[in-house]
């Protein structure tokens, strides 16, 4: 995802300037170490439940004050340093936007993604 291009396009959409005062972006990157024991990771294998991602995106787009939610996930074999997950949340005020990004990120990771870390 080209975040700059996505945001530029979003700003051209009808209603953007009337509804958006904040855009938050999450750019998840493959770590070179495991959460469990901080062991070095050679690569990760990632699979995603696309339907669940779509469902979550629709659900969180309906939250109060939210203008748009975008989620993009890469799958397959990914190396440390590669982009893994992008989430963009645009909405009116931080009290509405921040919790949506946080909750959505947690749910995407726990409900829609399977990731296997392959050690060296």
PDB file of N, CA and C in Angstrom:
ATOM      1  N   UNK A   1       0.848  -1.170   0.000  1.00  0.00           N
ATOM      2  CA  UNK A   1       0.000   0.000   0.000  1.00  0.00           C
ATOM      3  C   UNK A   1       0.890   1.228   0.000  1.00  0.00           C
ATOM      4  N   UNK A   2       0.619   2.117  -0.888  1.00  0.00           N
ATOM      5  CA  UNK A   2       1.291   3.416  -0.897  1.00  0.00           C
ATOM      6  C   UNK A   2       0.438   4.353  -0.042  1.00  0.00           C
ATOM      7  N   UNK A   3       0.824   4.508   1.209  1.00  0.00           N
ATOM      8  CA  UNK A   3       0.019   5.266   2.166  1.00  0.00           C
ATOM      9  C   UNK A   3      -0.222   6.690   1.696  1.00  0.00           C
ATOM     10  N   UNK A   4       0.800   7.334   1.156  1.00  0.00           N
ATOM     11  CA  UNK A   4       0.655   8.706   0.676  1.00  0.00           C
ATOM     12  C   UNK A   4      -0.398   8.786  -0.424  1.00  0.00           C
ATOM     13  N   UNK A   5      -0.360   7.846  -1.365  1.00  0.00           N
ATOM     14  CA  UNK A   5      -1.335   7.828  -2.461  1.00  0.00           C
ATOM     15  C   UNK A   5      -2.747   7.540  -1.946  1.00  0.00           C
ATOM     16  N   UNK A   6      -2.869   6.618  -1.004  1.00  0.00           N
ATOM     17  CA  UNK A   6      -4.179   6.280  -0.443  1.00  0.00           C
ATOM     18  C   UNK A   6      -4.789   7.494   0.239  1.00  0.00           C
ATOM     19  N   UNK A   7      -4.003   8.181   1.036  1.00  0.00           N
ATOM     20  CA  UNK A   7      -4.514   9.367   1.732  1.00  0.00           C
ATOM     21  C   UNK A   7      -4.845  10.475   0.739  1.00  0.00           C
ATOM     22  N   UNK A   8      -4.004  10.684  -0.258  1.00  0.00           N
ATOM     23  CA  UNK A   8      -4.278  11.704  -1.272  1.00  0.00           C
ATOM     24  C   UNK A   8      -5.588  11.405  -1.995  1.00  0.00           C
ATOM     25  N   UNK A   9      -5.817  10.143  -2.333  1.00  0.00           N
ATOM     26  CA  UNK A   9      -7.065   9.766  -3.001  1.00  0.00           C
ATOM     27  C   UNK A   9      -8.254   9.973  -2.072  1.00  0.00           C
ATOM     28  N   UNK A  10      -8.118   9.591  -0.811  1.00  0.00           N
ATOM     29  CA  UNK A  10      -9.193   9.745   0.153  1.00  0.00           C
ATOM     30  C   UNK A  10      -9.600  11.214   0.287  1.00  0.00           C
ATOM     31  N   UNK A  11      -8.615  12.096   0.267  1.00  0.00           N
ATOM     32  CA  UNK A  11      -8.887  13.525   0.414  1.00  0.00           C
ATOM     33  C   UNK A  11      -9.703  14.085  -0.752  1.00  0.00           C
ATOM     34  N   UNK A  12      -9.729  13.401  -1.880  1.00  0.00           N
ATOM     35  CA  UNK A  12     -10.495  13.833  -3.044  1.00  0.00           C
ATOM     36  C   UNK A  12     -11.948  13.355  -2.993  1.00  0.00           C
ATOM     37  N   UNK A  13     -12.252  12.448  -2.071  1.00  0.00           N
ATOM     38  CA  UNK A  13     -13.586  11.863  -2.016  1.00  0.00           C
ATOM     39  C   UNK A  13     -14.604  12.850  -1.456  1.00  0.00           C
ATOM     40  N   UNK A  14     -15.842  12.757  -1.945  1.00  0.00           N
ATOM     41  CA  UNK A  14     -16.894  13.633  -1.421  1.00  0.00           C
ATOM     42  C   UNK A  14     -17.087  13.432   0.075  1.00  0.00           C
ATOM     43  N   UNK A  15     -17.208  14.508   0.795  1.00  0.00           N
ATOM     44  CA  UNK A  15     -17.463  14.448   2.229  1.00  0.00           C
ATOM     45  C   UNK A  15     -16.223  14.378   3.089  1.00  0.00           C
ATOM     46  N   UNK A  16     -15.063  14.226   2.485  1.00  0.00           N
ATOM     47  CA  UNK A  16     -13.842  14.096   3.292  1.00  0.00           C
ATOM     48  C   UNK A  16     -13.654  15.295   4.217  1.00  0.00           C
ATOM     49  N   UNK A  17     -13.627  16.489   3.669  1.00  0.00           N
ATOM     50  CA  UNK A  17     -13.314  17.669   4.489  1.00  0.00           C
ATOM     51  C   UNK A  17     -14.397  17.969   5.516  1.00  0.00           C
ATOM     52  N   UNK A  18     -15.612  17.479   5.299  1.00  0.00           N
ATOM     53  CA  UNK A  18     -16.687  17.680   6.272  1.00  0.00           C
ATOM     54  C   UNK A  18     -16.670  16.648   7.392  1.00  0.00           C
ATOM     55  N   UNK A  19     -15.944  15.551   7.211  1.00  0.00           N
ATOM     56  CA  UNK A  19     -16.022  14.435   8.157  1.00  0.00           C
ATOM     57  C   UNK A  19     -14.704  13.980   8.766  1.00  0.00           C
ATOM     58  N   UNK A  20     -13.592  14.508   8.280  1.00  0.00           N
ATOM     59  CA  UNK A  20     -12.302  13.989   8.744  1.00  0.00           C
ATOM     60  C   UNK A  20     -11.453  15.082   9.384  1.00  0.00           C
ATOM     61  N   UNK A  21     -11.036  14.794  10.608  1.00  0.00           N
ATOM     62  CA  UNK A  21     -10.104  15.662  11.324  1.00  0.00           C
ATOM     63  C   UNK A  21      -8.859  14.900  11.748  1.00  0.00           C
ATOM     64  N   UNK A  22      -8.861  13.596  11.489  1.00  0.00           N
ATOM     65  CA  UNK A  22      -7.711  12.771  11.874  1.00  0.00           C
ATOM     66  C   UNK A  22      -7.653  11.535  10.997  1.00  0.00           C
ATOM     67  N   UNK A  23      -6.437  11.180  10.596  1.00  0.00           N
ATOM     68  CA  UNK A  23      -6.174   9.912   9.914  1.00  0.00           C
ATOM     69  C   UNK A  23      -5.051   9.228  10.678  1.00  0.00           C
ATOM     70  N   UNK A  24      -5.313   8.011  11.110  1.00  0.00           N
ATOM     71  CA  UNK A  24      -4.279   7.215  11.761  1.00  0.00           C
ATOM     72  C   UNK A  24      -3.907   6.057  10.852  1.00  0.00           C
ATOM     73  N   UNK A  25      -2.615   5.739  10.840  1.00  0.00           N
ATOM     74  CA  UNK A  25      -2.102   4.674   9.996  1.00  0.00           C
ATOM     75  C   UNK A  25      -1.276   3.707  10.846  1.00  0.00           C
ATOM     76  N   UNK A  26      -1.524   2.438  10.648  1.00  0.00           N
ATOM     77  CA  UNK A  26      -0.685   1.392  11.232  1.00  0.00           C
ATOM     78  C   UNK A  26       0.055   0.715  10.086  1.00  0.00           C
ATOM     79  N   UNK A  27       1.360   0.624  10.199  1.00  0.00           N
ATOM     80  CA  UNK A  27       2.179  -0.087   9.208  1.00  0.00           C
ATOM     81  C   UNK A  27       2.945  -1.175   9.950  1.00  0.00           C
ATOM     82  N   UNK A  28       2.398  -2.391   9.945  1.00  0.00           N
ATOM     83  CA  UNK A  28       3.045  -3.514  10.607  1.00  0.00           C
ATOM     84  C   UNK A  28       4.138  -4.086   9.736  1.00  0.00           C
ATOM     85  N   UNK A  29       5.273  -4.370  10.347  1.00  0.00           N
ATOM     86  CA  UNK A  29       6.457  -4.856   9.653  1.00  0.00           C
ATOM     87  C   UNK A  29       6.893  -6.177  10.283  1.00  0.00           C
ATOM     88  N   UNK A  30       7.380  -7.100   9.488  1.00  0.00           N
ATOM     89  CA  UNK A  30       7.879  -8.378  10.000  1.00  0.00           C
ATOM     90  C   UNK A  30       9.120  -8.112  10.846  1.00  0.00           C
ATOM     91  N   UNK A  31       9.053  -8.557  12.100  1.00  0.00           N
ATOM     92  CA  UNK A  31      10.200  -8.430  13.003  1.00  0.00           C
ATOM     93  C   UNK A  31      11.229  -9.506  12.691  1.00  0.00           C
ATOM     94  N   UNK A  32      12.469  -9.234  13.040  1.00  0.00           N
ATOM     95  CA  UNK A  32      13.547 -10.198  12.860  1.00  0.00           C
ATOM     96  C   UNK A  32      13.710 -11.111  14.056  1.00  0.00           C
ATOM     97  N   UNK A  33      12.780 -11.015  15.013  1.00  0.00           N
ATOM     98  CA  UNK A  33      12.841 -11.846  16.209  1.00  0.00           C
ATOM     99  C   UNK A  33      11.434 -12.202  16.669  1.00  0.00           C
ATOM    100  N   UNK A  34      11.335 -13.307  17.375  1.00  0.00           N
ATOM    101  CA  UNK A  34      10.068 -13.819  17.858  1.00  0.00           C
ATOM    102  C   UNK A  34       9.686 -13.171  19.177  1.00  0.00           C
ATOM    103  N   UNK A  35       8.396 -12.952  19.382  1.00  0.00           N
ATOM    104  CA  UNK A  35       7.911 -12.464  20.687  1.00  0.00           C
ATOM    105  C   UNK A  35       8.255 -13.456  21.794  1.00  0.00           C
ATOM    106  N   UNK A  36       8.188 -14.731  21.462  1.00  0.00           N
ATOM    107  CA  UNK A  36       8.474 -15.772  22.442  1.00  0.00           C
ATOM    108  C   UNK A  36       9.974 -16.024  22.463  1.00  0.00           C
ATOM    109  N   UNK A  37      10.642 -15.513  23.444  1.00  0.00           N
ATOM    110  CA  UNK A  37      12.060 -15.776  23.622  1.00  0.00           C
ATOM    111  C   UNK A  37      12.990 -14.909  22.785  1.00  0.00           C
ATOM    112  N   UNK A  38      12.436 -14.025  21.980  1.00  0.00           N
ATOM    113  CA  UNK A  38      13.232 -13.117  21.144  1.00  0.00           C
ATOM    114  C   UNK A  38      14.242 -13.859  20.265  1.00  0.00           C
ATOM    115  N   UNK A  39      13.853 -15.058  19.811  1.00  0.00           N
ATOM    116  CA  UNK A  39      14.722 -15.825  18.922  1.00  0.00           C
ATOM    117  C   UNK A  39      14.684 -15.214  17.522  1.00  0.00           C
ATOM    118  N   UNK A  40      15.788 -15.308  16.810  1.00  0.00           N
ATOM    119  CA  UNK A  40      15.850 -14.750  15.464  1.00  0.00           C
ATOM    120  C   UNK A  40      14.895 -15.489  14.536  1.00  0.00           C
ATOM    121  N   UNK A  41      14.267 -14.721  13.638  1.00  0.00           N
ATOM    122  CA  UNK A  41      13.307 -15.261  12.683  1.00  0.00           C
ATOM    123  C   UNK A  41      13.881 -15.130  11.276  1.00  0.00           C
ATOM    124  N   UNK A  42      13.889 -16.230  10.558  1.00  0.00           N
ATOM    125  CA  UNK A  42      14.370 -16.233   9.177  1.00  0.00           C
ATOM    126  C   UNK A  42      13.317 -15.612   8.255  1.00  0.00           C
ATOM    127  N   UNK A  43      12.049 -16.036   8.425  1.00  0.00           N
ATOM    128  CA  UNK A  43      10.926 -15.476   7.682  1.00  0.00           C
ATOM    129  C   UNK A  43       9.637 -15.889   8.382  1.00  0.00           C
ATOM    130  N   UNK A  44       8.512 -15.346   7.926  1.00  0.00           N
ATOM    131  CA  UNK A  44       7.211 -15.755   8.434  1.00  0.00           C
ATOM    132  C   UNK A  44       6.352 -16.197   7.258  1.00  0.00           C
ATOM    133  N   UNK A  45       5.497 -17.163   7.525  1.00  0.00           N
ATOM    134  CA  UNK A  45       4.468 -17.573   6.573  1.00  0.00           C
ATOM    135  C   UNK A  45       3.151 -17.021   7.103  1.00  0.00           C
ATOM    136  N   UNK A  46       2.459 -16.259   6.258  1.00  0.00           N
ATOM    137  CA  UNK A  46       1.249 -15.570   6.692  1.00  0.00           C
ATOM    138  C   UNK A  46       0.077 -15.972   5.799  1.00  0.00           C
ATOM    139  N   UNK A  47      -1.033 -16.312   6.440  1.00  0.00           N
ATOM    140  CA  UNK A  47      -2.280 -16.504   5.704  1.00  0.00           C
ATOM    141  C   UNK A  47      -3.355 -15.653   6.376  1.00  0.00           C
ATOM    142  N   UNK A  48      -4.349 -15.264   5.581  1.00  0.00           N
ATOM    143  CA  UNK A  48      -5.364 -14.335   6.053  1.00  0.00           C
ATOM    144  C   UNK A  48      -6.748 -14.834   5.645  1.00  0.00           C
ATOM    145  N   UNK A  49      -7.692 -14.680   6.549  1.00  0.00           N
ATOM    146  CA  UNK A  49      -9.090 -14.927   6.248  1.00  0.00           C
ATOM    147  C   UNK A  49      -9.652 -13.628   5.671  1.00  0.00           C
ATOM    148  N   UNK A  50      -9.667 -13.548   4.338  1.00  0.00           N
ATOM    149  CA  UNK A  50     -10.065 -12.317   3.649  1.00  0.00           C
ATOM    150  C   UNK A  50     -11.492 -11.916   3.990  1.00  0.00           C
ATOM    151  N   UNK A  51     -12.378 -12.892   4.108  1.00  0.00           N
ATOM    152  CA  UNK A  51     -13.770 -12.577   4.446  1.00  0.00           C
ATOM    153  C   UNK A  51     -13.855 -11.926   5.822  1.00  0.00           C
ATOM    154  N   UNK A  52     -13.075 -12.436   6.776  1.00  0.00           N
ATOM    155  CA  UNK A  52     -13.076 -11.860   8.128  1.00  0.00           C
ATOM    156  C   UNK A  52     -12.527 -10.433   8.100  1.00  0.00           C
ATOM    157  N   UNK A  53     -11.465 -10.210   7.314  1.00  0.00           N
ATOM    158  CA  UNK A  53     -10.918  -8.855   7.171  1.00  0.00           C
ATOM    159  C   UNK A  53     -12.001  -7.922   6.623  1.00  0.00           C
ATOM    160  N   UNK A  54     -12.699  -8.363   5.584  1.00  0.00           N
ATOM    161  CA  UNK A  54     -13.769  -7.543   4.999  1.00  0.00           C
ATOM    162  C   UNK A  54     -14.870  -7.263   6.014  1.00  0.00           C
ATOM    163  N   UNK A  55     -15.250  -8.292   6.783  1.00  0.00           N
ATOM    164  CA  UNK A  55     -16.290  -8.123   7.800  1.00  0.00           C
ATOM    165  C   UNK A  55     -15.861  -7.111   8.869  1.00  0.00           C
ATOM    166  N   UNK A  56     -14.629  -7.234   9.332  1.00  0.00           N
ATOM    167  CA  UNK A  56     -14.126  -6.300  10.347  1.00  0.00           C
ATOM    168  C   UNK A  56     -14.049  -4.876   9.795  1.00  0.00           C
ATOM    169  N   UNK A  57     -13.609  -4.757   8.564  1.00  0.00           N
ATOM    170  CA  UNK A  57     -13.518  -3.432   7.944  1.00  0.00           C
ATOM    171  C   UNK A  57     -14.904  -2.785   7.883  1.00  0.00           C
ATOM    172  N   UNK A  58     -15.912  -3.550   7.471  1.00  0.00           N
ATOM    173  CA  UNK A  58     -17.289  -3.022   7.421  1.00  0.00           C
ATOM    174  C   UNK A  58     -17.788  -2.663   8.820  1.00  0.00           C
ATOM    175  N   UNK A  59     -17.548  -3.548   9.780  1.00  0.00           N
ATOM    176  CA  UNK A  59     -18.012  -3.309  11.152  1.00  0.00           C
ATOM    177  C   UNK A  59     -17.441  -2.014  11.727  1.00  0.00           C
ATOM    178  N   UNK A  60     -16.137  -1.837  11.587  1.00  0.00           N
ATOM    179  CA  UNK A  60     -15.497  -0.667  12.188  1.00  0.00           C
ATOM    180  C   UNK A  60     -15.746   0.610  11.388  1.00  0.00           C
ATOM    181  N   UNK A  61     -16.102   0.486  10.124  1.00  0.00           N
ATOM    182  CA  UNK A  61     -16.459   1.661   9.327  1.00  0.00           C
ATOM    183  C   UNK A  61     -17.761   2.292   9.812  1.00  0.00           C
ATOM    184  N   UNK A  62     -18.574   1.518  10.526  1.00  0.00           N
ATOM    185  CA  UNK A  62     -19.871   1.998  11.020  1.00  0.00           C
ATOM    186  C   UNK A  62     -19.794   2.630  12.410  1.00  0.00           C
ATOM    187  N   UNK A  63     -18.613   2.627  13.012  1.00  0.00           N
ATOM    188  CA  UNK A  63     -18.467   3.204  14.354  1.00  0.00           C
ATOM    189  C   UNK A  63     -18.688   4.720  14.301  1.00  0.00           C
ATOM    190  N   UNK A  64     -19.167   5.305  15.403  1.00  0.00           N
ATOM    191  CA  UNK A  64     -19.420   6.752  15.422  1.00  0.00           C
ATOM    192  C   UNK A  64     -18.184   7.565  15.047  1.00  0.00           C
ATOM    193  N   UNK A  65     -18.374   8.523  14.156  1.00  0.00           N
ATOM    194  CA  UNK A  65     -17.311   9.438  13.771  1.00  0.00           C
ATOM    195  C   UNK A  65     -16.330   8.909  12.745  1.00  0.00           C
ATOM    196  N   UNK A  66     -16.500   7.666  12.315  1.00  0.00           N
ATOM    197  CA  UNK A  66     -15.536   7.075  11.379  1.00  0.00           C
ATOM    198  C   UNK A  66     -15.998   7.310   9.942  1.00  0.00           C
ATOM    199  N   UNK A  67     -15.107   7.852   9.149  1.00  0.00           N
ATOM    200  CA  UNK A  67     -15.365   8.135   7.737  1.00  0.00           C
ATOM    201  C   UNK A  67     -14.989   6.946   6.852  1.00  0.00           C
ATOM    202  N   UNK A  68     -13.817   6.378   7.119  1.00  0.00           N
ATOM    203  CA  UNK A  68     -13.356   5.268   6.273  1.00  0.00           C
ATOM    204  C   UNK A  68     -12.331   4.424   7.026  1.00  0.00           C
ATOM    205  N   UNK A  69     -12.380   3.112   6.771  1.00  0.00           N
ATOM    206  CA  UNK A  69     -11.414   2.155   7.307  1.00  0.00           C
ATOM    207  C   UNK A  69     -10.895   1.329   6.133  1.00  0.00           C
ATOM    208  N   UNK A  70      -9.587   1.250   6.019  1.00  0.00           N
ATOM    209  CA  UNK A  70      -8.956   0.430   4.987  1.00  0.00           C
ATOM    210  C   UNK A  70      -7.995  -0.546   5.654  1.00  0.00           C
ATOM    211  N   UNK A  71      -8.025  -1.796   5.218  1.00  0.00           N
ATOM    212  CA  UNK A  71      -7.122  -2.814   5.744  1.00  0.00           C
ATOM    213  C   UNK A  71      -6.500  -3.544   4.561  1.00  0.00           C
ATOM    214  N   UNK A  72      -5.178  -3.644   4.562  1.00  0.00           N
ATOM    215  CA  UNK A  72      -4.473  -4.410   3.533  1.00  0.00           C
ATOM    216  C   UNK A  72      -3.445  -5.284   4.216  1.00  0.00           C
ATOM    217  N   UNK A  73      -3.442  -6.577   3.861  1.00  0.00           N
ATOM    218  CA  UNK A  73      -2.547  -7.536   4.483  1.00  0.00           C
ATOM    219  C   UNK A  73      -1.802  -8.296   3.409  1.00  0.00           C
ATOM    220  N   UNK A  74      -0.516  -8.475   3.568  1.00  0.00           N
ATOM    221  CA  UNK A  74       0.267  -9.302   2.644  1.00  0.00           C
ATOM    222  C   UNK A  74       0.292 -10.723   3.174  1.00  0.00           C
ATOM    223  N   UNK A  75       0.329 -11.670   2.263  1.00  0.00           N
ATOM    224  CA  UNK A  75       0.340 -13.074   2.654  1.00  0.00           C
ATOM    225  C   UNK A  75       1.526 -13.784   2.003  1.00  0.00           C
ATOM    226  N   UNK A  76       1.724 -15.016   2.447  1.00  0.00           N
ATOM    227  CA  UNK A  76       2.817 -15.819   1.909  1.00  0.00           C
ATOM    228  C   UNK A  76       4.054 -15.711   2.771  1.00  0.00           C
ATOM    229  N   UNK A  77       5.187 -15.954   2.152  1.00  0.00           N
ATOM    230  CA  UNK A  77       6.473 -15.921   2.854  1.00  0.00           C
ATOM    231  C   UNK A  77       7.007 -14.491   2.843  1.00  0.00           C
ATOM    232  N   UNK A  78       7.196 -13.939   4.031  1.00  0.00           N
ATOM    233  CA  UNK A  78       7.681 -12.565   4.170  1.00  0.00           C
ATOM    234  C   UNK A  78       8.931 -12.549   5.042  1.00  0.00           C
ATOM    235  N   UNK A  79       9.876 -11.733   4.663  1.00  0.00           N
ATOM    236  CA  UNK A  79      11.150 -11.627   5.372  1.00  0.00           C
ATOM    237  C   UNK A  79      11.136 -10.477   6.360  1.00  0.00           C
ATOM    238  N   UNK A  80      11.990 -10.551   7.396  1.00  0.00           N
ATOM    239  CA  UNK A  80      12.095  -9.432   8.326  1.00  0.00           C
ATOM    240  C   UNK A  80      12.338  -8.119   7.576  1.00  0.00           C
ATOM    241  N   UNK A  81      11.614  -7.099   8.032  1.00  0.00           N
ATOM    242  CA  UNK A  81      11.716  -5.783   7.419  1.00  0.00           C
ATOM    243  C   UNK A  81      10.649  -5.514   6.371  1.00  0.00           C
ATOM    244  N   UNK A  82       9.979  -6.570   5.893  1.00  0.00           N
ATOM    245  CA  UNK A  82       8.940  -6.372   4.880  1.00  0.00           C
ATOM    246  C   UNK A  82       7.628  -5.933   5.533  1.00  0.00           C
ATOM    247  N   UNK A  83       6.879  -5.123   4.793  1.00  0.00           N
ATOM    248  CA  UNK A  83       5.562  -4.694   5.259  1.00  0.00           C
ATOM    249  C   UNK A  83       4.631  -5.890   5.305  1.00  0.00           C
ATOM    250  N   UNK A  84       3.809  -5.935   6.361  1.00  0.00           N
ATOM    251  CA  UNK A  84       2.911  -7.054   6.594  1.00  0.00           C
ATOM    252  C   UNK A  84       1.450  -6.611   6.602  1.00  0.00           C
ATOM    253  N   UNK A  85       1.169  -5.507   7.302  1.00  0.00           N
ATOM    254  CA  UNK A  85      -0.210  -5.077   7.514  1.00  0.00           C
ATOM    255  C   UNK A  85      -0.290  -3.562   7.466  1.00  0.00           C
ATOM    256  N   UNK A  86      -1.286  -3.069   6.737  1.00  0.00           N
ATOM    257  CA  UNK A  86      -1.597  -1.645   6.744  1.00  0.00           C
ATOM    258  C   UNK A  86      -3.041  -1.474   7.190  1.00  0.00           C
ATOM    259  N   UNK A  87      -3.261  -0.550   8.106  1.00  0.00           N
ATOM    260  CA  UNK A  87      -4.613  -0.154   8.491  1.00  0.00           C
ATOM    261  C   UNK A  87      -4.652   1.363   8.444  1.00  0.00           C
ATOM    262  N   UNK A  88      -5.671   1.902   7.781  1.00  0.00           N
ATOM    263  CA  UNK A  88      -5.892   3.343   7.747  1.00  0.00           C
ATOM    264  C   UNK A  88      -7.287   3.590   8.302  1.00  0.00           C
ATOM    265  N   UNK A  89      -7.357   4.473   9.310  1.00  0.00           N
ATOM    266  CA  UNK A  89      -8.643   4.858   9.893  1.00  0.00           C
ATOM    267  C   UNK A  89      -8.751   6.371   9.823  1.00  0.00           C
ATOM    268  N   UNK A  90      -9.792   6.854   9.138  1.00  0.00           N
ATOM    269  CA  UNK A  90     -10.048   8.286   9.024  1.00  0.00           C
ATOM    270  C   UNK A  90     -11.364   8.587   9.717  1.00  0.00           C
ATOM    271  N   UNK A  91     -11.371   9.667  10.492  1.00  0.00           N
ATOM    272  CA  UNK A  91     -12.598  10.030  11.184  1.00  0.00           C
ATOM    273  C   UNK A  91     -12.549  11.440  11.720  1.00  0.00           C
ATOM    274  N   UNK A  92     -13.547  11.754  12.509  1.00  0.00           N
ATOM    275  CA  UNK A  92     -13.738  13.133  12.933  1.00  0.00           C
ATOM    276  C   UNK A  92     -12.774  13.601  14.026  1.00  0.00           C
ATOM    277  N   UNK A  93     -12.747  12.924  15.158  1.00  0.00           N
ATOM    278  CA  UNK A  93     -11.924  13.369  16.293  1.00  0.00           C
ATOM    279  C   UNK A  93     -11.175  12.184  16.892  1.00  0.00           C
ATOM    280  N   UNK A  94     -10.097  12.501  17.613  1.00  0.00           N
ATOM    281  CA  UNK A  94      -9.231  11.430  18.122  1.00  0.00           C
ATOM    282  C   UNK A  94      -9.949  10.488  19.078  1.00  0.00           C
ATOM    283  N   UNK A  95     -10.931  10.991  19.837  1.00  0.00           N
ATOM    284  CA  UNK A  95     -11.656  10.126  20.766  1.00  0.00           C
ATOM    285  C   UNK A  95     -12.419   9.024  20.041  1.00  0.00           C
ATOM    286  N   UNK A  96     -12.728   9.240  18.774  1.00  0.00           N
ATOM    287  CA  UNK A  96     -13.391   8.208  17.975  1.00  0.00           C
ATOM    288  C   UNK A  96     -12.403   7.381  17.155  1.00  0.00           C
ATOM    289  N   UNK A  97     -11.357   8.013  16.651  1.00  0.00           N
ATOM    290  CA  UNK A  97     -10.451   7.349  15.717  1.00  0.00           C
ATOM    291  C   UNK A  97      -9.451   6.429  16.428  1.00  0.00           C
ATOM    292  N   UNK A  98      -8.848   6.894  17.510  1.00  0.00           N
ATOM    293  CA  UNK A  98      -7.818   6.097  18.192  1.00  0.00           C
ATOM    294  C   UNK A  98      -8.324   4.734  18.666  1.00  0.00           C
ATOM    295  N   UNK A  99      -9.493   4.682  19.342  1.00  0.00           N
ATOM    296  CA  UNK A  99      -9.939   3.356  19.789  1.00  0.00           C
ATOM    297  C   UNK A  99     -10.279   2.413  18.642  1.00  0.00           C
ATOM    298  N   UNK A 100     -10.774   2.956  17.534  1.00  0.00           N
ATOM    299  CA  UNK A 100     -11.101   2.101  16.398  1.00  0.00           C
ATOM    300  C   UNK A 100      -9.840   1.464  15.844  1.00  0.00           C
ATOM    301  N   UNK A 101      -8.782   2.241  15.668  1.00  0.00           N
ATOM    302  CA  UNK A 101      -7.533   1.663  15.165  1.00  0.00           C
ATOM    303  C   UNK A 101      -7.021   0.586  16.118  1.00  0.00           C
ATOM    304  N   UNK A 102      -7.013   0.868  17.402  1.00  0.00           N
ATOM    305  CA  UNK A 102      -6.500  -0.084  18.385  1.00  0.00           C
ATOM    306  C   UNK A 102      -7.321  -1.371  18.411  1.00  0.00           C
ATOM    307  N   UNK A 103      -8.636  -1.249  18.501  1.00  0.00           N
ATOM    308  CA  UNK A 103      -9.499  -2.427  18.561  1.00  0.00           C
ATOM    309  C   UNK A 103      -9.427  -3.235  17.263  1.00  0.00           C
ATOM    310  N   UNK A 104      -9.466  -2.537  16.140  1.00  0.00           N
ATOM    311  CA  UNK A 104      -9.421  -3.216  14.854  1.00  0.00           C
ATOM    312  C   UNK A 104      -8.108  -3.974  14.678  1.00  0.00           C
ATOM    313  N   UNK A 105      -7.007  -3.350  15.017  1.00  0.00           N
ATOM    314  CA  UNK A 105      -5.706  -4.010  14.923  1.00  0.00           C
ATOM    315  C   UNK A 105      -5.697  -5.291  15.755  1.00  0.00           C
ATOM    316  N   UNK A 106      -6.155  -5.217  16.986  1.00  0.00           N
ATOM    317  CA  UNK A 106      -6.170  -6.396  17.852  1.00  0.00           C
ATOM    318  C   UNK A 106      -7.055  -7.501  17.287  1.00  0.00           C
ATOM    319  N   UNK A 107      -8.201  -7.138  16.753  1.00  0.00           N
ATOM    320  CA  UNK A 107      -9.111  -8.151  16.215  1.00  0.00           C
ATOM    321  C   UNK A 107      -8.579  -8.758  14.919  1.00  0.00           C
ATOM    322  N   UNK A 108      -8.004  -7.942  14.050  1.00  0.00           N
ATOM    323  CA  UNK A 108      -7.417  -8.468  12.815  1.00  0.00           C
ATOM    324  C   UNK A 108      -6.351  -9.501  13.158  1.00  0.00           C
ATOM    325  N   UNK A 109      -5.462  -9.137  14.084  1.00  0.00           N
ATOM    326  CA  UNK A 109      -4.361 -10.035  14.450  1.00  0.00           C
ATOM    327  C   UNK A 109      -4.869 -11.315  15.128  1.00  0.00           C
ATOM    328  N   UNK A 110      -5.920 -11.214  15.931  1.00  0.00           N
ATOM    329  CA  UNK A 110      -6.382 -12.386  16.669  1.00  0.00           C
ATOM    330  C   UNK A 110      -7.412 -13.224  15.920  1.00  0.00           C
ATOM    331  N   UNK A 111      -8.183 -12.623  15.009  1.00  0.00           N
ATOM    332  CA  UNK A 111      -9.289 -13.332  14.380  1.00  0.00           C
ATOM    333  C   UNK A 111      -9.091 -13.639  12.895  1.00  0.00           C
ATOM    334  N   UNK A 112      -8.194 -12.919  12.221  1.00  0.00           N
ATOM    335  CA  UNK A 112      -8.147 -13.051  10.762  1.00  0.00           C
ATOM    336  C   UNK A 112      -6.789 -13.466  10.209  1.00  0.00           C
ATOM    337  N   UNK A 113      -5.790 -13.556  11.062  1.00  0.00           N
ATOM    338  CA  UNK A 113      -4.439 -13.795  10.572  1.00  0.00           C
ATOM    339  C   UNK A 113      -3.832 -15.027  11.239  1.00  0.00           C
ATOM    340  N   UNK A 114      -3.169 -15.843  10.428  1.00  0.00           N
ATOM    341  CA  UNK A 114      -2.373 -16.948  10.946  1.00  0.00           C
ATOM    342  C   UNK A 114      -0.950 -16.697  10.486  1.00  0.00           C
ATOM    343  N   UNK A 115      -0.041 -16.678  11.441  1.00  0.00           N
ATOM    344  CA  UNK A 115       1.357 -16.364  11.133  1.00  0.00           C
ATOM    345  C   UNK A 115       2.255 -17.407  11.791  1.00  0.00           C
ATOM    346  N   UNK A 116       3.132 -18.009  10.993  1.00  0.00           N
ATOM    347  CA  UNK A 116       4.120 -18.953  11.515  1.00  0.00           C
ATOM    348  C   UNK A 116       5.504 -18.361  11.347  1.00  0.00           C
ATOM    349  N   UNK A 117       6.192 -18.226  12.457  1.00  0.00           N
ATOM    350  CA  UNK A 117       7.561 -17.709  12.411  1.00  0.00           C
ATOM    351  C   UNK A 117       8.526 -18.873  12.202  1.00  0.00           C
ATOM    352  N   UNK A 118       9.382 -18.746  11.221  1.00  0.00           N
ATOM    353  CA  UNK A 118      10.358 -19.785  10.905  1.00  0.00           C
ATOM    354  C   UNK A 118      11.720 -19.333  11.426  1.00  0.00           C
ATOM    355  N   UNK A 119      12.255 -20.039  12.433  1.00  0.00           N
ATOM    356  CA  UNK A 119      13.537 -19.616  13.008  1.00  0.00           C
ATOM    357  C   UNK A 119      14.719 -20.005  12.130  1.00  0.00           C
ATOM    358  N   UNK A 120      15.843 -19.387  12.425  1.00  0.00           N
ATOM    359  CA  UNK A 120      17.089 -19.762  11.747  1.00  0.00           C
ATOM    360  C   UNK A 120      17.532 -21.126  12.185  1.00  0.00           C
TER     361      UNK A 120
END
